[in-house]
């Protein structure tokens, strides 16, 4: 299976520092969606539009079926196979392995 393409737009939850860490670690991390208690990596399907800042990434981990929208993908820890638990500063995150290209230098 070839990797699928996804992207995240630069935002208060996808900062320049986050992009650097993701490119260096080869992982994309996420927390709970608003109003949820489930750890989740969220992204848009496809490639980052050329005029926008953010990250492009490819992963072999398939997003959760039936989650998100036709434009959005979600990976939930621990239910989505291939997701991992990561902890930084006592905060838990869902994570997926990915080849990340930083487009928010």
C-alpha atoms as a PDB file:
ATOM      1  CA  UNK A   1       0.000   0.000   0.000  1.00  0.00           C
ATOM      2  CA  UNK A   2       1.395   3.386  -0.962  1.00  0.00           C
ATOM      3  CA  UNK A   3       1.233   6.291   1.496  1.00  0.00           C
ATOM      4  CA  UNK A   4      -1.759   8.619   1.349  1.00  0.00           C
ATOM      5  CA  UNK A   5      -1.323  12.435   1.262  1.00  0.00           C
ATOM      6  CA  UNK A   6      -2.709  14.811   3.877  1.00  0.00           C
ATOM      7  CA  UNK A   7      -2.095  18.345   5.111  1.00  0.00           C
ATOM      8  CA  UNK A   8      -2.575  20.641   8.092  1.00  0.00           C
ATOM      9  CA  UNK A   9      -2.916  24.411   7.835  1.00  0.00           C
ATOM     10  CA  UNK A  10      -0.851  26.747  10.002  1.00  0.00           C
ATOM     11  CA  UNK A  11      -2.997  27.791  12.990  1.00  0.00           C
ATOM     12  CA  UNK A  12      -2.802  28.335  16.756  1.00  0.00           C
ATOM     13  CA  UNK A  13      -2.801  24.513  17.098  1.00  0.00           C
ATOM     14  CA  UNK A  14      -0.428  23.950  14.121  1.00  0.00           C
ATOM     15  CA  UNK A  15       2.358  26.406  14.893  1.00  0.00           C
ATOM     16  CA  UNK A  16       5.694  26.986  13.214  1.00  0.00           C
ATOM     17  CA  UNK A  17       7.345  25.140  16.133  1.00  0.00           C
ATOM     18  CA  UNK A  18       4.913  22.199  15.748  1.00  0.00           C
ATOM     19  CA  UNK A  19       5.835  21.942  12.052  1.00  0.00           C
ATOM     20  CA  UNK A  20       9.546  21.810  12.898  1.00  0.00           C
ATOM     21  CA  UNK A  21       9.014  19.086  15.531  1.00  0.00           C
ATOM     22  CA  UNK A  22       6.837  17.022  13.185  1.00  0.00           C
ATOM     23  CA  UNK A  23       9.371  17.188  10.350  1.00  0.00           C
ATOM     24  CA  UNK A  24      12.224  16.232  12.713  1.00  0.00           C
ATOM     25  CA  UNK A  25      10.371  13.401  14.496  1.00  0.00           C
ATOM     26  CA  UNK A  26       8.550  11.910  11.504  1.00  0.00           C
ATOM     27  CA  UNK A  27       5.310  11.955  13.495  1.00  0.00           C
ATOM     28  CA  UNK A  28       2.119  14.045  13.422  1.00  0.00           C
ATOM     29  CA  UNK A  29       0.490  14.535  16.832  1.00  0.00           C
ATOM     30  CA  UNK A  30      -2.986  15.572  17.948  1.00  0.00           C
ATOM     31  CA  UNK A  31      -5.117  16.105  21.047  1.00  0.00           C
ATOM     32  CA  UNK A  32      -8.824  15.845  21.723  1.00  0.00           C
ATOM     33  CA  UNK A  33     -11.194  17.460  19.235  1.00  0.00           C
ATOM     34  CA  UNK A  34     -13.274  20.283  20.668  1.00  0.00           C
ATOM     35  CA  UNK A  35     -16.006  18.771  22.850  1.00  0.00           C
ATOM     36  CA  UNK A  36     -14.418  15.288  22.829  1.00  0.00           C
ATOM     37  CA  UNK A  37     -12.321  13.246  25.230  1.00  0.00           C
ATOM     38  CA  UNK A  38     -10.756  11.051  22.484  1.00  0.00           C
ATOM     39  CA  UNK A  39      -7.138  11.653  21.474  1.00  0.00           C
ATOM     40  CA  UNK A  40      -7.120  12.345  17.754  1.00  0.00           C
ATOM     41  CA  UNK A  41      -4.802  13.391  14.919  1.00  0.00           C
ATOM     42  CA  UNK A  42      -6.778  15.565  12.490  1.00  0.00           C
ATOM     43  CA  UNK A  43      -5.833  16.592   8.942  1.00  0.00           C
ATOM     44  CA  UNK A  44      -7.255  17.419   5.537  1.00  0.00           C
ATOM     45  CA  UNK A  45      -7.076  14.968   2.640  1.00  0.00           C
ATOM     46  CA  UNK A  46      -4.807  15.762  -0.321  1.00  0.00           C
ATOM     47  CA  UNK A  47      -1.939  18.241  -0.609  1.00  0.00           C
ATOM     48  CA  UNK A  48      -1.547  21.678   0.934  1.00  0.00           C
ATOM     49  CA  UNK A  49      -2.880  24.361  -1.441  1.00  0.00           C
ATOM     50  CA  UNK A  50       0.062  26.243  -2.974  1.00  0.00           C
ATOM     51  CA  UNK A  51      -0.865  29.612  -1.474  1.00  0.00           C
ATOM     52  CA  UNK A  52      -1.268  28.339   2.127  1.00  0.00           C
ATOM     53  CA  UNK A  53       1.161  27.694   4.973  1.00  0.00           C
ATOM     54  CA  UNK A  54       1.217  24.411   6.887  1.00  0.00           C
ATOM     55  CA  UNK A  55       2.582  20.889   6.526  1.00  0.00           C
ATOM     56  CA  UNK A  56       2.181  18.243   3.849  1.00  0.00           C
ATOM     57  CA  UNK A  57       2.570  14.660   4.985  1.00  0.00           C
ATOM     58  CA  UNK A  58       2.241  11.099   3.790  1.00  0.00           C
ATOM     59  CA  UNK A  59       1.421   8.135   6.000  1.00  0.00           C
ATOM     60  CA  UNK A  60       0.607   4.467   5.512  1.00  0.00           C
ATOM     61  CA  UNK A  61      -1.676   4.534   8.561  1.00  0.00           C
ATOM     62  CA  UNK A  62      -5.245   4.632   7.297  1.00  0.00           C
ATOM     63  CA  UNK A  63      -7.597   7.115   8.988  1.00  0.00           C
ATOM     64  CA  UNK A  64     -10.600   5.883  10.935  1.00  0.00           C
ATOM     65  CA  UNK A  65     -13.400   4.868   8.567  1.00  0.00           C
ATOM     66  CA  UNK A  66     -16.534   6.941   8.986  1.00  0.00           C
ATOM     67  CA  UNK A  67     -14.739   9.663  10.968  1.00  0.00           C
ATOM     68  CA  UNK A  68     -14.304  13.220   9.757  1.00  0.00           C
ATOM     69  CA  UNK A  69     -15.719  14.289   6.382  1.00  0.00           C
ATOM     70  CA  UNK A  70     -14.860  13.639   2.719  1.00  0.00           C
ATOM     71  CA  UNK A  71     -12.267  16.437   3.140  1.00  0.00           C
ATOM     72  CA  UNK A  72     -11.053  15.622   6.633  1.00  0.00           C
ATOM     73  CA  UNK A  73      -9.273  12.573   8.060  1.00  0.00           C
ATOM     74  CA  UNK A  74      -9.011  11.502  11.693  1.00  0.00           C
ATOM     75  CA  UNK A  75      -6.897   8.933  13.511  1.00  0.00           C
ATOM     76  CA  UNK A  76      -8.044   8.061  17.055  1.00  0.00           C
ATOM     77  CA  UNK A  77      -5.834   6.584  19.771  1.00  0.00           C
ATOM     78  CA  UNK A  78      -6.111   3.716  20.584  1.00  0.00           C
ATOM     79  CA  UNK A  79      -8.877   2.566  18.233  1.00  0.00           C
ATOM     80  CA  UNK A  80      -7.229   3.389  14.874  1.00  0.00           C
ATOM     81  CA  UNK A  81      -4.615   0.703  14.084  1.00  0.00           C
ATOM     82  CA  UNK A  82      -1.144   2.240  13.803  1.00  0.00           C
ATOM     83  CA  UNK A  83      -1.739   5.194  16.142  1.00  0.00           C
ATOM     84  CA  UNK A  84       0.623   5.701  19.054  1.00  0.00           C
ATOM     85  CA  UNK A  85       0.417   7.415  22.443  1.00  0.00           C
ATOM     86  CA  UNK A  86       2.932  10.190  23.091  1.00  0.00           C
ATOM     87  CA  UNK A  87       3.300  12.348  26.222  1.00  0.00           C
ATOM     88  CA  UNK A  88       4.959  15.752  26.474  1.00  0.00           C
ATOM     89  CA  UNK A  89       4.884  17.913  29.616  1.00  0.00           C
ATOM     90  CA  UNK A  90       2.333  15.499  31.196  1.00  0.00           C
ATOM     91  CA  UNK A  91      -0.088  16.009  28.246  1.00  0.00           C
ATOM     92  CA  UNK A  92      -1.109  12.957  26.196  1.00  0.00           C
ATOM     93  CA  UNK A  93      -1.290  13.036  22.388  1.00  0.00           C
ATOM     94  CA  UNK A  94      -2.310  10.641  19.621  1.00  0.00           C
ATOM     95  CA  UNK A  95       0.444  10.263  17.005  1.00  0.00           C
ATOM     96  CA  UNK A  96       0.950   8.657  13.614  1.00  0.00           C
ATOM     97  CA  UNK A  97       4.209   8.030  11.755  1.00  0.00           C
ATOM     98  CA  UNK A  98       4.540  10.265   8.697  1.00  0.00           C
ATOM     99  CA  UNK A  99       6.901  11.731   6.125  1.00  0.00           C
ATOM    100  CA  UNK A 100       6.419  15.440   6.854  1.00  0.00           C
ATOM    101  CA  UNK A 101       7.267  18.404   4.617  1.00  0.00           C
ATOM    102  CA  UNK A 102       7.317  21.709   6.484  1.00  0.00           C
ATOM    103  CA  UNK A 103       5.751  24.480   4.379  1.00  0.00           C
ATOM    104  CA  UNK A 104       5.532  27.035   7.177  1.00  0.00           C
ATOM    105  CA  UNK A 105       9.171  28.071   7.660  1.00  0.00           C
END
